[in-house]
Amino acid sequence: MLTYKVDDMTCGRCAGRITAAVRAIDPTADVRIDLGRHEVGVRTAADAGDIEASIRDAGYTPVAMAHSAETTPSAARTGCCCSGGRVARRNVRCHP
C-alpha cells in the first residue's frame, strides 16, 4: 500500500477530492483516508508517481511515507477546509 502524509487534507470534502483524483488514475484503487493523522493510503496497480501527482493536481501536498502492505488508515472527521484556507478546526462539521 502506498501511504502519504497530507497535512493540508482536513475534512471529508478534502478526502473526497483526493479519492476522486486517485480514482481518475485507477478507478479500482482502494483509497483509505485517516483525517486524524492526515494520511492517505492507496492500494493500486498504478505507478506511485502518478498517484502522488494526482493528489498534487487536486491541490494537496502529499509526502510519501514508508510503503507497507499492512497500512490501512481508518476514516475520521477532525477538521474543515472551508475556513482559513484549509486550516483545521477541530470538531466543526460544516459539510452535510
PDB file of N, CA and C in Angstrom:
ATOM      1  N   MET A   1       0.849  -1.175   0.000  1.00  0.00           N
ATOM      2  CA  MET A   1       0.000   0.000   0.000  1.00  0.00           C
ATOM      3  C   MET A   1       0.891   1.233   0.000  1.00  0.00           C
ATOM      4  N   LEU A   2       0.537   2.203  -0.831  1.00  0.00           N
ATOM      5  CA  LEU A   2       1.204   3.497  -0.851  1.00  0.00           C
ATOM      6  C   LEU A   2       0.596   4.340   0.257  1.00  0.00           C
ATOM      7  N   THR A   3       1.419   5.033   1.015  1.00  0.00           N
ATOM      8  CA  THR A   3       0.912   5.859   2.101  1.00  0.00           C
ATOM      9  C   THR A   3       1.527   7.248   2.004  1.00  0.00           C
ATOM     10  N   TYR A   4       0.667   8.255   2.136  1.00  0.00           N
ATOM     11  CA  TYR A   4       1.100   9.643   2.041  1.00  0.00           C
ATOM     12  C   TYR A   4       0.610  10.426   3.244  1.00  0.00           C
ATOM     13  N   LYS A   5       1.448  11.294   3.753  1.00  0.00           N
ATOM     14  CA  LYS A   5       1.072  12.280   4.761  1.00  0.00           C
ATOM     15  C   LYS A   5       0.594  13.502   3.985  1.00  0.00           C
ATOM     16  N   VAL A   6      -0.638  13.941   4.263  1.00  0.00           N
ATOM     17  CA  VAL A   6      -1.218  15.081   3.540  1.00  0.00           C
ATOM     18  C   VAL A   6      -1.757  16.048   4.593  1.00  0.00           C
ATOM     19  N   ASP A   7      -0.882  16.899   5.106  1.00  0.00           N
ATOM     20  CA  ASP A   7      -1.252  17.786   6.208  1.00  0.00           C
ATOM     21  C   ASP A   7      -2.331  18.790   5.841  1.00  0.00           C
ATOM     22  N   ASP A   8      -2.463  19.122   4.562  1.00  0.00           N
ATOM     23  CA  ASP A   8      -3.491  20.092   4.175  1.00  0.00           C
ATOM     24  C   ASP A   8      -4.826  19.431   3.820  1.00  0.00           C
ATOM     25  N   MET A   9      -4.986  18.156   4.108  1.00  0.00           N
ATOM     26  CA  MET A   9      -6.262  17.441   3.979  1.00  0.00           C
ATOM     27  C   MET A   9      -6.899  17.458   5.372  1.00  0.00           C
ATOM     28  N   THR A  10      -8.029  18.170   5.514  1.00  0.00           N
ATOM     29  CA  THR A  10      -8.570  18.371   6.862  1.00  0.00           C
ATOM     30  C   THR A  10     -10.030  17.999   7.046  1.00  0.00           C
ATOM     31  N   CYS A  11     -10.754  17.668   5.979  1.00  0.00           N
ATOM     32  CA  CYS A  11     -12.180  17.370   6.160  1.00  0.00           C
ATOM     33  C   CYS A  11     -12.647  16.333   5.146  1.00  0.00           C
ATOM     34  N   GLY A  12     -13.897  15.979   5.250  1.00  0.00           N
ATOM     35  CA  GLY A  12     -14.483  14.999   4.341  1.00  0.00           C
ATOM     36  C   GLY A  12     -14.469  15.443   2.891  1.00  0.00           C
ATOM     37  N   ARG A  13     -14.651  16.724   2.666  1.00  0.00           N
ATOM     38  CA  ARG A  13     -14.607  17.227   1.291  1.00  0.00           C
ATOM     39  C   ARG A  13     -13.197  17.068   0.709  1.00  0.00           C
ATOM     40  N   CYS A  14     -12.190  17.361   1.505  1.00  0.00           N
ATOM     41  CA  CYS A  14     -10.800  17.151   1.067  1.00  0.00           C
ATOM     42  C   CYS A  14     -10.577  15.678   0.730  1.00  0.00           C
ATOM     43  N   ALA A  15     -11.039  14.809   1.613  1.00  0.00           N
ATOM     44  CA  ALA A  15     -10.880  13.370   1.394  1.00  0.00           C
ATOM     45  C   ALA A  15     -11.565  12.934   0.102  1.00  0.00           C
ATOM     46  N   GLY A  16     -12.739  13.480  -0.164  1.00  0.00           N
ATOM     47  CA  GLY A  16     -13.461  13.148  -1.389  1.00  0.00           C
ATOM     48  C   GLY A  16     -12.724  13.599  -2.629  1.00  0.00           C
ATOM     49  N   ARG A  17     -12.125  14.774  -2.568  1.00  0.00           N
ATOM     50  CA  ARG A  17     -11.364  15.283  -3.717  1.00  0.00           C
ATOM     51  C   ARG A  17     -10.137  14.425  -3.986  1.00  0.00           C
ATOM     52  N   ILE A  18      -9.457  14.030  -2.939  1.00  0.00           N
ATOM     53  CA  ILE A  18      -8.275  13.189  -3.100  1.00  0.00           C
ATOM     54  C   ILE A  18      -8.670  11.820  -3.629  1.00  0.00           C
ATOM     55  N   THR A  19      -9.736  11.254  -3.086  1.00  0.00           N
ATOM     56  CA  THR A  19     -10.211   9.950  -3.557  1.00  0.00           C
ATOM     57  C   THR A  19     -10.573  10.014  -5.037  1.00  0.00           C
ATOM     58  N   ALA A  20     -11.292  11.051  -5.441  1.00  0.00           N
ATOM     59  CA  ALA A  20     -11.671  11.205  -6.849  1.00  0.00           C
ATOM     60  C   ALA A  20     -10.440  11.361  -7.740  1.00  0.00           C
ATOM     61  N   ALA A  21      -9.443  12.107  -7.275  1.00  0.00           N
ATOM     62  CA  ALA A  21      -8.226  12.306  -8.062  1.00  0.00           C
ATOM     63  C   ALA A  21      -7.477  10.992  -8.262  1.00  0.00           C
ATOM     64  N   VAL A  22      -7.384  10.210  -7.201  1.00  0.00           N
ATOM     65  CA  VAL A  22      -6.698   8.915  -7.300  1.00  0.00           C
ATOM     66  C   VAL A  22      -7.472   7.972  -8.218  1.00  0.00           C
ATOM     67  N   ARG A  23      -8.786   7.956  -8.066  1.00  0.00           N
ATOM     68  CA  ARG A  23      -9.597   7.052  -8.891  1.00  0.00           C
ATOM     69  C   ARG A  23      -9.673   7.487 -10.347  1.00  0.00           C
ATOM     70  N   ALA A  24      -9.321   8.722 -10.644  1.00  0.00           N
ATOM     71  CA  ALA A  24      -9.217   9.152 -12.038  1.00  0.00           C
ATOM     72  C   ALA A  24      -8.027   8.464 -12.701  1.00  0.00           C
ATOM     73  N   ILE A  25      -7.013   8.138 -11.916  1.00  0.00           N
ATOM     74  CA  ILE A  25      -5.839   7.408 -12.411  1.00  0.00           C
ATOM     75  C   ILE A  25      -6.117   5.914 -12.440  1.00  0.00           C
ATOM     76  N   ASP A  26      -6.721   5.398 -11.363  1.00  0.00           N
ATOM     77  CA  ASP A  26      -7.045   3.967 -11.250  1.00  0.00           C
ATOM     78  C   ASP A  26      -8.439   3.838 -10.622  1.00  0.00           C
ATOM     79  N   PRO A  27      -9.460   3.591 -11.458  1.00  0.00           N
ATOM     80  CA  PRO A  27     -10.830   3.502 -10.937  1.00  0.00           C
ATOM     81  C   PRO A  27     -11.042   2.371  -9.926  1.00  0.00           C
ATOM     82  N   THR A  28     -10.157   1.395  -9.890  1.00  0.00           N
ATOM     83  CA  THR A  28     -10.308   0.282  -8.956  1.00  0.00           C
ATOM     84  C   THR A  28      -9.450   0.446  -7.703  1.00  0.00           C
ATOM     85  N   ALA A  29      -8.798   1.572  -7.539  1.00  0.00           N
ATOM     86  CA  ALA A  29      -7.920   1.800  -6.387  1.00  0.00           C
ATOM     87  C   ALA A  29      -8.709   1.740  -5.082  1.00  0.00           C
ATOM     88  N   ASP A  30      -8.098   1.151  -4.077  1.00  0.00           N
ATOM     89  CA  ASP A  30      -8.647   1.131  -2.723  1.00  0.00           C
ATOM     90  C   ASP A  30      -8.003   2.304  -1.990  1.00  0.00           C
ATOM     91  N   VAL A  31      -8.796   3.337  -1.691  1.00  0.00           N
ATOM     92  CA  VAL A  31      -8.283   4.549  -1.059  1.00  0.00           C
ATOM     93  C   VAL A  31      -8.766   4.581   0.383  1.00  0.00           C
ATOM     94  N   ARG A  32      -7.829   4.681   1.311  1.00  0.00           N
ATOM     95  CA  ARG A  32      -8.146   4.754   2.740  1.00  0.00           C
ATOM     96  C   ARG A  32      -7.685   6.097   3.275  1.00  0.00           C
ATOM     97  N   ILE A  33      -8.583   6.784   3.957  1.00  0.00           N
ATOM     98  CA  ILE A  33      -8.301   8.122   4.471  1.00  0.00           C
ATOM     99  C   ILE A  33      -8.343   8.103   5.993  1.00  0.00           C
ATOM    100  N   ASP A  34      -7.346   8.693   6.627  1.00  0.00           N
ATOM    101  CA  ASP A  34      -7.347   8.910   8.073  1.00  0.00           C
ATOM    102  C   ASP A  34      -7.162  10.409   8.295  1.00  0.00           C
ATOM    103  N   LEU A  35      -8.266  11.122   8.516  1.00  0.00           N
ATOM    104  CA  LEU A  35      -8.199  12.572   8.689  1.00  0.00           C
ATOM    105  C   LEU A  35      -7.480  12.969   9.968  1.00  0.00           C
ATOM    106  N   GLY A  36      -7.614  12.164  10.994  1.00  0.00           N
ATOM    107  CA  GLY A  36      -6.952  12.467  12.263  1.00  0.00           C
ATOM    108  C   GLY A  36      -5.442  12.489  12.139  1.00  0.00           C
ATOM    109  N   ARG A  37      -4.908  11.605  11.330  1.00  0.00           N
ATOM    110  CA  ARG A  37      -3.464  11.540  11.112  1.00  0.00           C
ATOM    111  C   ARG A  37      -3.037  12.261   9.842  1.00  0.00           C
ATOM    112  N   HIS A  38      -4.004  12.711   9.058  1.00  0.00           N
ATOM    113  CA  HIS A  38      -3.736  13.356   7.767  1.00  0.00           C
ATOM    114  C   HIS A  38      -2.993  12.388   6.846  1.00  0.00           C
ATOM    115  N   GLU A  39      -3.480  11.141   6.774  1.00  0.00           N
ATOM    116  CA  GLU A  39      -2.842  10.124   5.954  1.00  0.00           C
ATOM    117  C   GLU A  39      -3.785   9.599   4.891  1.00  0.00           C
ATOM    118  N   VAL A  40      -3.206   9.301   3.738  1.00  0.00           N
ATOM    119  CA  VAL A  40      -3.930   8.683   2.627  1.00  0.00           C
ATOM    120  C   VAL A  40      -3.197   7.393   2.296  1.00  0.00           C
ATOM    121  N   GLY A  41      -3.923   6.292   2.307  1.00  0.00           N
ATOM    122  CA  GLY A  41      -3.372   5.009   1.902  1.00  0.00           C
ATOM    123  C   GLY A  41      -4.036   4.591   0.607  1.00  0.00           C
ATOM    124  N   VAL A  42      -3.243   4.102  -0.337  1.00  0.00           N
ATOM    125  CA  VAL A  42      -3.777   3.719  -1.644  1.00  0.00           C
ATOM    126  C   VAL A  42      -3.220   2.362  -2.030  1.00  0.00           C
ATOM    127  N   ARG A  43      -4.117   1.418  -2.275  1.00  0.00           N
ATOM    128  CA  ARG A  43      -3.741   0.121  -2.825  1.00  0.00           C
ATOM    129  C   ARG A  43      -4.119   0.176  -4.297  1.00  0.00           C
ATOM    130  N   THR A  44      -3.102   0.098  -5.167  1.00  0.00           N
ATOM    131  CA  THR A  44      -3.323   0.305  -6.592  1.00  0.00           C
ATOM    132  C   THR A  44      -2.244  -0.387  -7.409  1.00  0.00           C
ATOM    133  N   ALA A  45      -2.543  -0.635  -8.656  1.00  0.00           N
ATOM    134  CA  ALA A  45      -1.545  -1.144  -9.594  1.00  0.00           C
ATOM    135  C   ALA A  45      -0.874   0.005 -10.339  1.00  0.00           C
ATOM    136  N   ALA A  46      -1.373   1.223 -10.157  1.00  0.00           N
ATOM    137  CA  ALA A  46      -0.819   2.395 -10.835  1.00  0.00           C
ATOM    138  C   ALA A  46       0.536   2.768 -10.238  1.00  0.00           C
ATOM    139  N   ASP A  47       1.292   3.531 -10.992  1.00  0.00           N
ATOM    140  CA  ASP A  47       2.603   3.994 -10.567  1.00  0.00           C
ATOM    141  C   ASP A  47       2.477   4.971  -9.389  1.00  0.00           C
ATOM    142  N   ALA A  48       3.341   4.818  -8.394  1.00  0.00           N
ATOM    143  CA  ALA A  48       3.307   5.687  -7.212  1.00  0.00           C
ATOM    144  C   ALA A  48       3.465   7.155  -7.596  1.00  0.00           C
ATOM    145  N   GLY A  49       4.297   7.440  -8.577  1.00  0.00           N
ATOM    146  CA  GLY A  49       4.487   8.820  -9.021  1.00  0.00           C
ATOM    147  C   GLY A  49       3.222   9.412  -9.606  1.00  0.00           C
ATOM    148  N   ASP A  50       2.458   8.591 -10.343  1.00  0.00           N
ATOM    149  CA  ASP A  50       1.193   9.056 -10.908  1.00  0.00           C
ATOM    150  C   ASP A  50       0.168   9.347  -9.818  1.00  0.00           C
ATOM    151  N   ILE A  51       0.140   8.499  -8.792  1.00  0.00           N
ATOM    152  CA  ILE A  51      -0.802   8.700  -7.675  1.00  0.00           C
ATOM    153  C   ILE A  51      -0.440   9.988  -6.930  1.00  0.00           C
ATOM    154  N   GLU A  52       0.838  10.163  -6.635  1.00  0.00           N
ATOM    155  CA  GLU A  52       1.279  11.370  -5.937  1.00  0.00           C
ATOM    156  C   GLU A  52       0.968  12.617  -6.762  1.00  0.00           C
ATOM    157  N   ALA A  53       1.201  12.550  -8.063  1.00  0.00           N
ATOM    158  CA  ALA A  53       0.911  13.694  -8.939  1.00  0.00           C
ATOM    159  C   ALA A  53      -0.582  14.012  -8.960  1.00  0.00           C
ATOM    160  N   SER A  54      -1.430  12.977  -8.920  1.00  0.00           N
ATOM    161  CA  SER A  54      -2.876  13.216  -8.943  1.00  0.00           C
ATOM    162  C   SER A  54      -3.332  13.929  -7.671  1.00  0.00           C
ATOM    163  N   ILE A  55      -2.719  13.589  -6.539  1.00  0.00           N
ATOM    164  CA  ILE A  55      -3.051  14.255  -5.277  1.00  0.00           C
ATOM    165  C   ILE A  55      -2.590  15.713  -5.329  1.00  0.00           C
ATOM    166  N   ARG A  56      -1.405  15.948  -5.874  1.00  0.00           N
ATOM    167  CA  ARG A  56      -0.903  17.327  -6.032  1.00  0.00           C
ATOM    168  C   ARG A  56      -1.810  18.129  -6.954  1.00  0.00           C
ATOM    169  N   ASP A  57      -2.222  17.514  -8.078  1.00  0.00           N
ATOM    170  CA  ASP A  57      -3.088  18.200  -9.035  1.00  0.00           C
ATOM    171  C   ASP A  57      -4.446  18.553  -8.433  1.00  0.00           C
ATOM    172  N   ALA A  58      -4.866  17.795  -7.401  1.00  0.00           N
ATOM    173  CA  ALA A  58      -6.125  18.088  -6.717  1.00  0.00           C
ATOM    174  C   ALA A  58      -5.965  19.253  -5.744  1.00  0.00           C
ATOM    175  N   GLY A  59      -4.729  19.726  -5.561  1.00  0.00           N
ATOM    176  CA  GLY A  59      -4.495  20.890  -4.713  1.00  0.00           C
ATOM    177  C   GLY A  59      -3.921  20.588  -3.346  1.00  0.00           C
ATOM    178  N   TYR A  60      -3.401  19.387  -3.153  1.00  0.00           N
ATOM    179  CA  TYR A  60      -2.886  18.981  -1.847  1.00  0.00           C
ATOM    180  C   TYR A  60      -1.398  18.676  -1.936  1.00  0.00           C
ATOM    181  N   THR A  61      -0.758  18.536  -0.784  1.00  0.00           N
ATOM    182  CA  THR A  61       0.682  18.333  -0.719  1.00  0.00           C
ATOM    183  C   THR A  61       1.005  16.976  -0.092  1.00  0.00           C
ATOM    184  N   PRO A  62       1.084  15.915  -0.904  1.00  0.00           N
ATOM    185  CA  PRO A  62       1.390  14.597  -0.357  1.00  0.00           C
ATOM    186  C   PRO A  62       2.885  14.424  -0.092  1.00  0.00           C
ATOM    187  N   VAL A  63       3.208  13.781   1.014  1.00  0.00           N
ATOM    188  CA  VAL A  63       4.581  13.420   1.334  1.00  0.00           C
ATOM    189  C   VAL A  63       4.587  11.905   1.503  1.00  0.00           C
ATOM    190  N   ALA A  64       5.353  11.228   0.654  1.00  0.00           N
ATOM    191  CA  ALA A  64       5.395   9.769   0.691  1.00  0.00           C
ATOM    192  C   ALA A  64       5.931   9.286   2.034  1.00  0.00           C
ATOM    193  N   MET A  65       5.257   8.282   2.586  1.00  0.00           N
ATOM    194  CA  MET A  65       5.690   7.641   3.821  1.00  0.00           C
ATOM    195  C   MET A  65       6.169   6.242   3.443  1.00  0.00           C
ATOM    196  N   ALA A  66       6.676   5.507   4.398  1.00  0.00           N
ATOM    197  CA  ALA A  66       7.098   4.129   4.142  1.00  0.00           C
ATOM    198  C   ALA A  66       5.907   3.346   3.610  1.00  0.00           C
ATOM    199  N   HIS A  67       6.092   2.688   2.485  1.00  0.00           N
ATOM    200  CA  HIS A  67       5.006   1.929   1.881  1.00  0.00           C
ATOM    201  C   HIS A  67       4.954   0.537   2.486  1.00  0.00           C
ATOM    202  N   SER A  68       3.736   0.107   2.832  1.00  0.00           N
ATOM    203  CA  SER A  68       3.553  -1.173   3.502  1.00  0.00           C
ATOM    204  C   SER A  68       2.308  -1.854   2.995  1.00  0.00           C
ATOM    205  N   ALA A  69       2.324  -3.161   2.986  1.00  0.00           N
ATOM    206  CA  ALA A  69       1.148  -3.938   2.600  1.00  0.00           C
ATOM    207  C   ALA A  69       0.111  -3.933   3.713  1.00  0.00           C
ATOM    208  N   GLU A  70       0.493  -3.554   4.930  1.00  0.00           N
ATOM    209  CA  GLU A  70      -0.407  -3.625   6.078  1.00  0.00           C
ATOM    210  C   GLU A  70      -0.984  -2.291   6.496  1.00  0.00           C
ATOM    211  N   THR A  71      -0.555  -1.199   5.929  1.00  0.00           N
ATOM    212  CA  THR A  71      -1.036   0.123   6.342  1.00  0.00           C
ATOM    213  C   THR A  71      -2.449   0.351   5.822  1.00  0.00           C
ATOM    214  N   THR A  72      -3.398   0.563   6.740  1.00  0.00           N
ATOM    215  CA  THR A  72      -4.780   0.801   6.346  1.00  0.00           C
ATOM    216  C   THR A  72      -5.378   1.888   7.228  1.00  0.00           C
ATOM    217  N   PRO A  73      -5.155   3.144   6.890  1.00  0.00           N
ATOM    218  CA  PRO A  73      -5.738   4.218   7.705  1.00  0.00           C
ATOM    219  C   PRO A  73      -7.262   4.122   7.756  1.00  0.00           C
ATOM    220  N   SER A  74      -7.831   4.500   8.871  1.00  0.00           N
ATOM    221  CA  SER A  74      -9.283   4.482   9.015  1.00  0.00           C
ATOM    222  C   SER A  74      -9.828   5.889   8.876  1.00  0.00           C
ATOM    223  N   ALA A  75     -11.093   5.987   8.550  1.00  0.00           N
ATOM    224  CA  ALA A  75     -11.708   7.302   8.352  1.00  0.00           C
ATOM    225  C   ALA A  75     -11.968   7.976   9.693  1.00  0.00           C
ATOM    226  N   ALA A  76     -11.779   9.281   9.719  1.00  0.00           N
ATOM    227  CA  ALA A  76     -12.086  10.084  10.901  1.00  0.00           C
ATOM    228  C   ALA A  76     -12.373  11.497  10.427  1.00  0.00           C
ATOM    229  N   ARG A  77     -13.236  12.207  11.133  1.00  0.00           N
ATOM    230  CA  ARG A  77     -13.568  13.577  10.750  1.00  0.00           C
ATOM    231  C   ARG A  77     -13.053  14.503  11.841  1.00  0.00           C
ATOM    232  N   THR A  78     -12.059  15.347  11.506  1.00  0.00           N
ATOM    233  CA  THR A  78     -11.477  16.191  12.543  1.00  0.00           C
ATOM    234  C   THR A  78     -11.346  17.652  12.164  1.00  0.00           C
ATOM    235  N   GLY A  79     -11.614  18.055  10.947  1.00  0.00           N
ATOM    236  CA  GLY A  79     -11.405  19.447  10.619  1.00  0.00           C
ATOM    237  C   GLY A  79     -12.127  19.839   9.353  1.00  0.00           C
ATOM    238  N   CYS A  80     -11.801  21.013   8.840  1.00  0.00           N
ATOM    239  CA  CYS A  80     -12.509  21.515   7.675  1.00  0.00           C
ATOM    240  C   CYS A  80     -11.624  22.404   6.826  1.00  0.00           C
ATOM    241  N   CYS A  81     -11.854  22.350   5.521  1.00  0.00           N
ATOM    242  CA  CYS A  81     -11.094  23.184   4.595  1.00  0.00           C
ATOM    243  C   CYS A  81     -11.837  24.479   4.270  1.00  0.00           C
ATOM    244  N   CYS A  82     -13.012  24.675   4.798  1.00  0.00           N
ATOM    245  CA  CYS A  82     -13.859  25.806   4.411  1.00  0.00           C
ATOM    246  C   CYS A  82     -13.389  27.137   4.960  1.00  0.00           C
ATOM    247  N   SER A  83     -12.748  27.119   6.084  1.00  0.00           N
ATOM    248  CA  SER A  83     -12.373  28.393   6.684  1.00  0.00           C
ATOM    249  C   SER A  83     -10.861  28.490   6.792  1.00  0.00           C
ATOM    250  N   GLY A  84     -10.373  29.668   6.588  1.00  0.00           N
ATOM    251  CA  GLY A  84      -8.949  29.898   6.762  1.00  0.00           C
ATOM    252  C   GLY A  84      -8.076  29.227   5.726  1.00  0.00           C
ATOM    253  N   GLY A  85      -8.621  28.904   4.552  1.00  0.00           N
ATOM    254  CA  GLY A  85      -7.805  28.293   3.521  1.00  0.00           C
ATOM    255  C   GLY A  85      -7.235  26.963   3.932  1.00  0.00           C
ATOM    256  N   ARG A  86      -8.084  26.021   4.291  1.00  0.00           N
ATOM    257  CA  ARG A  86      -7.712  24.682   4.717  1.00  0.00           C
ATOM    258  C   ARG A  86      -7.018  24.642   6.075  1.00  0.00           C
ATOM    259  N   VAL A  87      -7.385  25.537   6.950  1.00  0.00           N
ATOM    260  CA  VAL A  87      -6.866  25.499   8.302  1.00  0.00           C
ATOM    261  C   VAL A  87      -7.783  24.603   9.124  1.00  0.00           C
ATOM    262  N   ALA A  88      -7.206  23.608   9.765  1.00  0.00           N
ATOM    263  CA  ALA A  88      -8.007  22.644  10.530  1.00  0.00           C
ATOM    264  C   ALA A  88      -8.677  23.301  11.728  1.00  0.00           C
ATOM    265  N   ARG A  89      -9.953  23.000  11.907  1.00  0.00           N
ATOM    266  CA  ARG A  89     -10.696  23.428  13.088  1.00  0.00           C
ATOM    267  C   ARG A  89     -11.353  22.193  13.657  1.00  0.00           C
ATOM    268  N   ARG A  90     -10.922  21.762  14.803  1.00  0.00           N
ATOM    269  CA  ARG A  90     -11.430  20.522  15.394  1.00  0.00           C
ATOM    270  C   ARG A  90     -12.913  20.622  15.750  1.00  0.00           C
ATOM    271  N   ASN A  91     -13.593  19.495  15.567  1.00  0.00           N
ATOM    272  CA  ASN A  91     -14.991  19.326  15.956  1.00  0.00           C
ATOM    273  C   ASN A  91     -15.935  20.284  15.260  1.00  0.00           C
ATOM    274  N   VAL A  92     -15.624  20.698  14.074  1.00  0.00           N
ATOM    275  CA  VAL A  92     -16.504  21.560  13.285  1.00  0.00           C
ATOM    276  C   VAL A  92     -17.032  20.739  12.125  1.00  0.00           C
ATOM    277  N   ARG A  93     -18.340  20.742  11.942  1.00  0.00           N
ATOM    278  CA  ARG A  93     -18.923  19.990  10.858  1.00  0.00           C
ATOM    279  C   ARG A  93     -19.745  20.945  10.011  1.00  0.00           C
ATOM    280  N   CYS A  94     -19.200  21.326   8.866  1.00  0.00           N
ATOM    281  CA  CYS A  94     -19.924  22.274   8.029  1.00  0.00           C
ATOM    282  C   CYS A  94     -20.396  21.641   6.735  1.00  0.00           C
ATOM    283  N   HIS A  95     -19.992  20.413   6.452  1.00  0.00           N
ATOM    284  CA  HIS A  95     -20.426  19.721   5.235  1.00  0.00           C
ATOM    285  C   HIS A  95     -21.400  18.615   5.621  1.00  0.00           C
ATOM    286  N   PRO A  96     -22.620  18.657   5.128  1.00  0.00           N
ATOM    287  CA  PRO A  96     -23.579  17.602   5.497  1.00  0.00           C
ATOM    288  C   PRO A  96     -23.205  16.280   4.889  1.00  0.00           C
TER     289      PRO A  96
END
